[in-house]
Protein backbone atom coordinates (compact mmCIF):
# COMPACT_ATOMS: atom_id res chain seq x y z
CA MET A 1 8.84 14.53 -23.42
CA GLY A 2 6.61 17.58 -24.94
CA ILE A 3 6.83 20.75 -22.87
CA ARG A 4 3.74 21.87 -21.22
CA ILE A 5 3.35 25.48 -21.47
CA ARG A 6 0.43 26.75 -19.03
CA LYS A 7 -1.51 29.65 -18.49
CA LEU A 8 -3.21 30.65 -15.20
CA PRO A 9 -6.44 32.29 -14.50
CA LEU A 10 -4.77 35.84 -13.17
CA VAL A 11 -5.59 35.59 -9.36
CA ALA A 12 -4.08 32.00 -9.68
CA ALA A 13 -0.80 33.53 -11.06
CA GLY A 14 -0.68 36.11 -8.28
CA VAL A 15 -0.49 33.18 -6.17
CA VAL A 16 1.60 31.76 -7.74
CA ALA A 17 3.94 34.76 -7.69
CA ALA A 18 3.74 35.58 -4.18
CA LEU A 19 4.67 32.10 -3.28
CA VAL A 20 7.83 31.77 -5.34
CA PHE A 21 9.10 35.48 -4.89
CA GLY A 22 8.21 35.58 -1.28
CA VAL A 23 5.51 38.31 -1.74
CA GLY A 24 3.30 38.80 1.91
CA GLY A 25 5.89 36.32 3.24
CA ALA A 26 4.72 33.57 1.76
CA ALA A 27 7.44 30.35 1.30
CA ILE A 28 9.72 29.59 -1.71
CA ALA A 29 9.22 26.59 -3.26
CA GLN A 30 12.39 25.86 -3.05
CA SER A 31 12.61 25.66 0.26
CA VAL A 32 11.54 21.74 0.53
CA ASP A 33 15.02 20.04 0.46
CA ASN A 34 14.43 17.56 -2.47
CA GLY A 35 14.99 18.42 -6.13
CA TRP A 36 12.53 18.77 -8.80
CA PRO A 37 11.49 16.31 -9.77
CA TYR A 38 12.36 14.42 -6.18
CA ASP A 39 15.72 14.07 -5.69
CA THR A 40 16.71 10.61 -3.58
CA THR A 41 20.77 11.44 -3.50
CA LYS A 42 19.48 14.04 -1.02
CA SER A 43 17.60 11.84 1.20
CA ASN A 44 20.48 11.68 3.13
CA ALA A 45 21.23 15.55 3.53
CA SER A 46 21.34 16.79 7.27
CA ALA A 47 18.21 18.49 8.69
CA ASP A 48 18.49 22.23 9.47
CA GLY A 49 16.60 22.70 12.97
CA ARG A 50 14.30 25.18 11.55
CA SER A 51 10.23 24.80 11.95
CA TYR A 52 8.19 24.17 8.09
CA THR A 53 4.58 24.50 7.80
CA LEU A 54 2.41 21.55 6.34
CA ALA A 55 -1.09 22.39 5.07
CA ALA A 56 -2.85 19.25 4.43
CA VAL A 57 -6.63 18.01 3.20
CA GLY A 58 -8.13 16.01 0.77
CA ASP A 59 -11.47 15.57 -1.15
CA ILE A 60 -11.85 18.80 -2.89
CA ALA A 61 -12.81 19.60 -6.43
CA CYS A 62 -16.31 19.20 -7.53
CA GLU A 63 -16.90 17.75 -11.22
CA PRO A 64 -17.32 21.02 -13.50
CA ASP A 65 -20.74 21.77 -15.13
CA ASP A 66 -18.90 21.61 -18.42
CA ASP A 67 -19.44 20.15 -22.00
CA ASP A 68 -17.30 16.98 -21.49
CA ASN A 69 -19.36 15.90 -18.72
CA ALA A 70 -22.42 16.93 -20.28
CA ALA A 71 -24.40 13.74 -19.94
CA ASN A 72 -23.80 13.21 -16.03
CA PRO A 73 -26.31 13.97 -13.52
CA SER A 74 -26.60 17.88 -12.42
CA GLU A 75 -26.32 16.93 -9.04
CA LEU A 76 -22.71 15.03 -8.77
CA LYS A 77 -21.44 18.49 -10.63
CA CYS A 78 -20.10 22.41 -9.39
CA GLY A 79 -23.40 23.85 -8.33
CA SER A 80 -25.13 20.97 -6.93
CA PRO A 81 -27.02 22.58 -3.40
CA SER A 82 -25.72 19.03 -1.70
CA LEU A 83 -22.33 19.89 -2.32
CA GLY A 84 -19.65 22.85 -1.22
CA GLY A 85 -18.52 23.65 -5.09
CA TYR A 86 -16.47 26.40 -6.05
CA ASP A 87 -17.22 28.37 -3.17
CA ALA A 88 -15.41 25.42 -0.76
CA GLU A 89 -12.66 24.42 -2.84
CA PHE A 90 -12.03 28.55 -3.49
CA ALA A 91 -12.57 28.90 0.70
CA THR A 92 -10.46 25.96 1.47
CA ALA A 93 -7.36 26.77 -1.22
CA LYS A 94 -7.57 30.74 0.43
CA GLN A 95 -7.38 28.94 3.48
CA ALA A 96 -4.13 27.04 2.82
CA ASP A 97 -2.43 30.01 0.83
CA ASP A 98 -2.81 31.73 4.20
CA MET A 99 -0.76 29.61 5.92
CA HIS A 100 1.85 30.22 3.99
CA PRO A 101 3.00 26.53 3.94
CA ASN A 102 6.52 25.45 3.05
CA ALA A 103 4.39 22.28 1.46
CA VAL A 104 0.85 21.14 0.77
CA ALA A 105 0.10 17.71 1.20
CA LEU A 106 -2.68 16.67 -0.83
CA LEU A 107 -4.63 13.19 0.57
CA GLY A 108 -6.39 12.15 -2.60
CA ASP A 109 -9.58 12.58 -4.67
CA GLU A 110 -8.27 16.12 -5.63
CA GLN A 111 -11.11 15.83 -8.64
CA TYR A 112 -14.47 14.06 -8.77
CA GLN A 113 -15.60 12.29 -9.97
CA VAL A 114 -12.73 10.57 -12.38
CA GLY A 115 -10.59 12.81 -12.31
CA LYS A 116 -10.16 13.31 -15.97
CA LEU A 117 -7.91 16.25 -17.15
CA SER A 118 -10.13 18.11 -18.31
CA ASP A 119 -12.12 18.14 -15.67
CA PHE A 120 -8.77 19.16 -13.34
CA GLU A 121 -8.48 22.02 -15.93
CA GLY A 122 -11.95 22.86 -15.14
CA SER A 123 -12.01 23.02 -11.57
CA PHE A 124 -9.32 22.37 -9.15
CA GLU A 125 -6.91 24.59 -11.30
CA THR A 126 -8.95 27.36 -10.90
CA ALA A 127 -8.72 27.07 -7.19
CA TRP A 128 -6.00 25.12 -6.19
CA GLY A 129 -3.85 25.71 -9.20
CA GLY A 130 -1.70 28.92 -7.28
CA LEU A 131 -0.39 26.60 -5.01
CA LYS A 132 0.71 23.87 -7.64
CA PHE A 133 4.08 24.45 -7.34
CA LEU A 134 3.54 23.41 -3.20
CA GLU A 135 1.34 20.95 -3.97
CA ARG A 136 2.98 17.05 -3.44
CA PRO A 137 -0.33 15.14 -4.17
CA ALA A 138 -1.67 10.87 -3.51
CA PRO A 139 -4.12 9.85 -5.56
CA GLY A 140 -7.43 8.85 -4.21
CA ASN A 141 -9.68 6.50 -5.71
CA HIS A 142 -11.77 8.70 -8.09
CA GLU A 143 -8.70 9.49 -9.59
CA TYR A 144 -8.32 6.03 -10.76
CA TYR A 145 -11.52 4.17 -10.44
CA SER A 146 -14.70 4.26 -12.41
CA TYR A 147 -17.56 6.08 -11.22
CA THR A 148 -21.02 4.38 -12.02
CA LYS A 149 -23.45 5.83 -8.73
CA LYS A 150 -26.42 8.02 -8.57
CA GLY A 151 -27.28 7.89 -12.47
CA ASP A 152 -23.66 8.25 -13.08
CA ASP A 153 -21.33 5.73 -16.28
CA GLU A 154 -18.12 7.17 -16.68
CA ALA A 155 -15.16 5.23 -17.31
CA ALA A 156 -11.56 4.97 -15.07
CA GLN A 157 -9.08 6.86 -15.52
CA ASN A 158 -6.38 4.80 -13.80
CA GLY A 159 -4.57 7.68 -12.95
CA ASN A 160 -4.26 9.05 -16.54
CA GLY A 161 -5.81 12.69 -15.81
CA TYR A 162 -4.28 13.05 -12.25
CA PHE A 163 -0.33 12.55 -13.56
CA ALA A 164 -0.87 14.76 -16.61
CA TYR A 165 -2.68 17.69 -14.85
CA PHE A 166 0.69 17.36 -11.95
CA ASN A 167 3.32 16.13 -14.14
CA GLY A 168 2.51 17.47 -17.34
CA HIS A 169 1.66 15.81 -20.58
CA ASN A 170 2.18 15.94 -24.58
CA GLN A 171 0.44 17.29 -27.27
CA ALA A 172 -1.74 14.16 -26.76
CA GLY A 173 -2.54 14.87 -23.77
CA THR A 174 -0.22 11.66 -22.70
CA PRO A 175 1.49 12.08 -18.86
CA ASN A 176 4.86 12.53 -18.46
CA THR A 177 6.57 9.81 -16.57
CA ALA A 178 7.85 11.71 -14.09
CA GLY A 179 7.02 14.77 -12.28
CA GLN A 180 5.27 16.40 -9.32
CA ALA A 181 3.30 13.28 -8.83
CA GLY A 182 6.09 10.65 -8.69
CA ASP A 183 6.80 8.25 -11.41
CA ASP A 184 4.10 6.72 -13.80
CA THR A 185 5.37 3.76 -14.93
CA GLU A 186 4.61 0.09 -15.22
CA THR A 187 6.76 -0.08 -12.07
CA ASN A 188 5.92 2.98 -9.84
CA GLN A 189 2.18 4.31 -9.79
CA GLY A 190 3.17 7.77 -7.93
CA TRP A 191 4.49 6.71 -4.71
CA TYR A 192 7.33 8.85 -3.65
CA SER A 193 9.12 10.75 -0.34
CA TYR A 194 10.45 13.87 0.24
CA ASN A 195 12.01 15.97 3.72
CA LEU A 196 11.25 19.15 5.18
CA GLY A 197 14.18 19.53 7.44
CA ASN A 198 13.94 17.28 10.11
CA TRP A 199 10.90 15.55 8.95
CA HIS A 200 10.37 12.44 6.21
CA ILE A 201 7.33 12.59 4.50
CA ILE A 202 5.92 9.83 2.22
CA SER A 203 3.23 9.85 0.05
CA LEU A 204 1.91 6.55 -0.77
CA ASN A 205 -1.02 5.06 -3.80
CA VAL A 206 -3.53 2.64 -1.97
CA GLU A 207 -5.59 2.16 -5.39
CA CYS A 208 -4.88 -1.28 -6.09
CA ASN A 209 -8.28 -2.11 -7.47
CA SER A 210 -7.02 -1.02 -11.02
CA ALA A 211 -6.56 -1.87 -14.14
CA ALA A 212 -3.23 0.08 -13.18
CA PHE A 213 -2.40 -2.39 -10.26
CA ALA A 214 -3.62 -5.50 -11.98
CA ASN A 215 -6.35 -5.62 -9.63
CA ASP A 216 -4.33 -6.97 -7.12
CA CYS A 217 -4.26 -5.72 -3.87
CA SER A 218 -2.01 -8.40 -2.14
CA THR A 219 0.87 -6.93 -0.33
CA THR A 220 2.98 -9.95 -0.41
CA ASP A 221 3.06 -11.22 -3.73
CA ASP A 222 4.97 -9.65 -6.73
CA GLY A 223 2.61 -7.38 -8.00
CA LEU A 224 2.99 -3.47 -8.21
CA LEU A 225 0.85 -3.17 -4.46
CA ALA A 226 3.82 -5.55 -3.11
CA GLN A 227 6.55 -3.67 -5.10
CA GLU A 228 5.31 -0.47 -3.27
CA THR A 229 5.00 -2.04 0.26
CA LYS A 230 8.56 -3.55 0.02
CA TRP A 231 9.87 0.45 -1.33
CA LEU A 232 8.05 1.49 1.64
CA ALA A 233 10.48 -0.75 3.96
CA GLN A 234 13.62 0.27 2.67
CA ASP A 235 12.42 3.96 2.19
CA LEU A 236 11.62 3.89 6.00
CA LYS A 237 15.14 1.83 6.80
CA SER A 238 17.40 4.15 5.19
CA ASN A 239 15.33 7.34 6.48
CA THR A 240 17.86 9.53 8.82
CA ARG A 241 15.28 11.96 10.10
CA GLN A 242 14.22 11.61 13.42
CA CYS A 243 10.28 12.67 12.78
CA THR A 244 7.86 10.61 9.94
CA VAL A 245 5.05 11.20 7.98
CA ALA A 246 3.14 8.86 6.16
CA TYR A 247 -0.30 10.02 3.88
CA TRP A 248 -2.53 8.04 1.33
CA HIS A 249 -6.41 7.90 0.72
CA GLN A 250 -8.23 5.45 1.98
CA PRO A 251 -7.66 5.21 5.91
CA THR A 252 -6.94 2.51 7.91
CA PHE A 253 -9.08 3.07 10.93
CA SER A 254 -12.52 4.57 10.27
CA SER A 255 -14.25 7.53 11.55
CA THR A 256 -17.21 7.80 9.30
CA THR A 257 -17.86 3.75 8.83
CA GLU A 258 -20.75 2.22 11.42
CA ALA A 259 -19.45 -1.03 13.55
CA THR A 260 -20.56 -4.04 11.43
CA PRO A 261 -20.51 -7.98 12.32
CA THR A 262 -17.45 -8.80 10.61
CA VAL A 263 -15.20 -5.98 11.04
CA ALA A 264 -15.51 -2.83 13.72
CA ALA A 265 -14.92 0.18 13.11
CA SER A 266 -11.70 0.59 14.94
CA ALA A 267 -10.01 -2.36 12.80
CA PRO A 268 -8.00 -2.45 9.80
CA GLY A 269 -10.15 -1.65 6.98
CA ALA A 270 -13.36 -0.91 8.49
CA GLY A 271 -14.09 1.06 5.33
CA GLY A 272 -13.20 -1.03 2.50
CA GLN A 273 -10.01 -3.23 1.14
CA GLU A 274 -7.50 -0.43 0.15
CA GLY A 275 -7.90 0.21 4.53
CA ALA A 276 -7.15 -3.24 4.90
CA VAL A 277 -4.44 -3.42 3.11
CA SER A 278 -2.64 -0.54 4.15
CA ASP A 279 -2.43 -2.08 7.49
CA ALA A 280 0.79 -3.95 6.26
CA TRP A 281 1.81 0.20 5.82
CA TRP A 282 0.81 0.72 9.41
CA ASN A 283 2.88 -2.03 10.64
CA LEU A 284 6.04 -0.75 8.80
CA LEU A 285 5.66 2.44 10.09
CA TYR A 286 4.64 1.80 13.60
CA GLN A 287 7.80 -0.91 13.71
CA ASN A 288 9.83 2.64 12.18
CA HIS A 289 7.89 5.09 15.12
CA ALA A 290 6.24 7.11 12.52
CA THR A 291 5.54 10.27 13.93
CA PHE A 292 1.50 10.57 12.52
CA VAL A 293 -0.44 9.23 9.45
CA LEU A 294 -2.66 11.49 7.43
CA ASN A 295 -5.57 10.17 5.41
CA GLY A 296 -8.61 11.68 3.42
CA HIS A 297 -11.63 9.86 1.77
CA GLU A 298 -13.97 10.07 4.33
CA HIS A 299 -15.23 13.47 4.07
CA ALA A 300 -15.03 14.50 7.41
CA TYR A 301 -12.14 15.37 9.84
CA ALA A 302 -10.89 13.39 12.62
CA ARG A 303 -8.24 13.02 15.36
CA LEU A 304 -7.57 9.58 16.40
CA LYS A 305 -5.71 8.06 19.55
CA PRO A 306 -2.20 6.39 19.29
CA MET A 307 -3.01 3.13 17.68
CA ASN A 308 -0.77 -0.07 17.08
CA PRO A 309 -1.31 -1.91 13.45
CA ALA A 310 -4.43 -3.64 15.17
CA GLY A 311 -6.25 -0.61 15.88
CA GLU A 312 -5.63 -0.97 19.31
CA TYR A 313 -4.79 2.14 21.86
CA ASP A 314 -0.92 2.38 22.22
CA PRO A 315 -0.14 5.17 24.19
CA LYS A 316 3.76 4.81 23.78
CA HIS A 317 4.45 3.18 20.80
CA GLY A 318 1.11 3.78 18.61
CA ILE A 319 0.69 6.19 15.45
CA PRO A 320 -2.29 8.87 15.83
CA GLU A 321 -4.22 9.48 12.42
CA PHE A 322 -5.81 12.02 11.00
CA ILE A 323 -8.31 12.04 8.75
CA ILE A 324 -9.11 15.23 6.60
CA GLY A 325 -11.68 14.88 4.08
CA THR A 326 -12.79 18.55 4.16
CA GLY A 327 -11.35 20.12 0.98
CA GLY A 328 -14.60 21.18 -0.43
CA GLU A 329 -16.43 18.68 -2.73
CA ALA A 330 -18.87 17.11 0.01
CA LEU A 331 -19.14 16.42 3.60
CA ASP A 332 -20.25 12.99 5.06
CA THR A 333 -21.13 11.69 8.79
CA THR A 334 -19.55 10.89 11.40
CA ALA A 335 -20.71 7.45 13.15
CA VAL A 336 -21.95 7.31 16.34
CA ALA A 337 -23.01 4.35 18.38
CA SER A 338 -26.48 3.83 19.85
CA ASN A 339 -24.96 5.26 23.24
CA GLY A 340 -24.16 8.78 21.74
CA ALA A 341 -20.09 7.86 21.68
CA TYR A 342 -17.79 7.39 17.98
CA ALA A 343 -18.60 4.11 16.52
CA ASN A 344 -14.35 3.81 16.61
CA SER A 345 -13.98 4.55 20.23
CA ASN A 346 -10.31 5.21 19.64
CA VAL A 347 -11.63 9.01 17.51
CA VAL A 348 -10.99 11.74 19.78
CA THR A 349 -12.57 14.10 18.40
CA ALA A 350 -14.60 14.37 14.69
CA TYR A 351 -16.30 17.43 12.81
CA ASP A 352 -18.56 17.09 9.92
CA GLN A 353 -20.28 20.29 9.24
CA GLY A 354 -17.71 22.39 6.86
CA PHE A 355 -15.38 22.48 5.28
CA GLY A 356 -11.47 23.03 6.29
CA VAL A 357 -7.62 22.68 5.97
CA MET A 358 -5.09 21.31 8.49
CA ASP A 359 -2.54 23.19 9.54
CA PHE A 360 0.77 21.53 10.62
CA THR A 361 3.91 23.62 12.46
CA LEU A 362 6.38 20.78 11.76
CA LYS A 363 9.37 21.49 14.33
CA PRO A 364 12.85 19.49 14.78
CA ASN A 365 11.50 17.78 17.52
CA GLY A 366 8.01 17.53 17.46
CA TYR A 367 5.31 19.47 15.57
CA SER A 368 1.72 21.33 16.23
CA TYR A 369 -1.56 21.20 14.92
CA SER A 370 -4.31 23.50 13.91
CA TYR A 371 -8.15 23.07 12.47
CA LYS A 372 -10.75 24.91 12.24
CA PRO A 373 -13.04 25.26 9.16
CA VAL A 374 -13.64 28.03 7.02
CA LEU A 375 -16.94 27.52 5.35
CA ALA A 376 -20.23 25.68 6.62
CA GLY A 377 -21.39 22.90 4.70
CA PRO A 378 -24.65 22.78 2.68
CA GLY A 379 -27.77 23.41 5.41
CA ALA A 380 -25.12 24.34 8.04
CA THR A 381 -25.51 26.69 10.64
CA ALA A 382 -23.02 29.58 11.23
CA SER A 383 -22.28 27.83 14.18
CA ALA A 384 -20.39 25.19 12.30
CA LEU A 385 -17.45 27.39 12.54
CA ASP A 386 -16.99 27.27 16.17
CA TYR A 387 -15.34 23.91 15.92
CA SER A 388 -11.46 23.75 16.19
CA ASP A 389 -8.85 21.44 17.20
CA SER A 390 -5.74 21.98 17.86
CA GLY A 391 -2.78 20.53 20.39
CA SER A 392 0.85 19.28 19.64
CA GLY A 393 3.05 15.95 19.58
CA SER A 394 7.02 14.84 19.44
CA CYS A 395 9.03 12.74 17.45
CA ARG A 396 10.17 9.48 18.91
CA GLY A 397 13.21 9.54 16.14
CA ASN A 398 13.67 6.34 13.93
CA SER A 399 15.57 3.73 15.75
């Protein structure tokens, strides 16, 4: 296994120094109680009664306009007027850093369009590299699948650039088999869990329609996704923390997909097959009293009511869902039905006019959340920054 020596830009290096040494009150990386890489032997360690800050966002970095992407359409690259670009990803990175987080949950599609290692180094790293030691990523479709839209034609990376960036790599660019993003092996494609005080946090990989998963999206056969689902069941069973969070990229329930004749916006999988297969995960999390679920993929912010696995409002036992796909790359449009209401009636509030990061305070027995955009989207007015959403909730325990 090769040793990777990474030189950070001067600004990013300064942020890292602040995070590691506590300058300006920033939390040190060691506040996450799992080891490096994640030490499963500590999974039953007692909670410490403290509160922790978790920053969360996905869909972040534009494709750099460099030699590796010279043949790609300019509208897909940093600098395109339709994208957030470098301004947006630097703004959200600073917003996250200003939260002094104990950990940063990255909700997939960290790097567009196919997440090559050179793309990560040329874009994501320049803005978010200073927070790298606190980042707990999950992959998205743009890290695994090919991209053949809008005149582009890029081969699938199957997580190669994602793991090489977060886990390190040898001189040939081959990713290390274990590290910050979890294992990168034939039997585990980067799912893992970690603890923050009284909170158990789970990062999952739902990119099943890829060669790495043998294009097998079944959660019940002998394939890799089924093995991940079995791992999740065991991880939840062995968890002793009172509060549980899980995150992956494509949401089970949608905020930006219009209702169709076959799949209503509030039904599992309205946004695609990955959302449909993750319904099995929602069942497991529901049975184990998960506190909330985080997703990205939809380039908007939305908070959804507590829901059961069928997508029905369940105020007593349901799981709230937060979609936070406003990391900087681009923005989608929140789905509204013909009567002016949200297409998914479980959407409490939604926002699609700017970029921002969610700030969670994870308390011993509950949580509070605060979302406020930091930069207006392309074509939006200054009033786009007037939006905010905040509130709190409680944990229901693991039994």
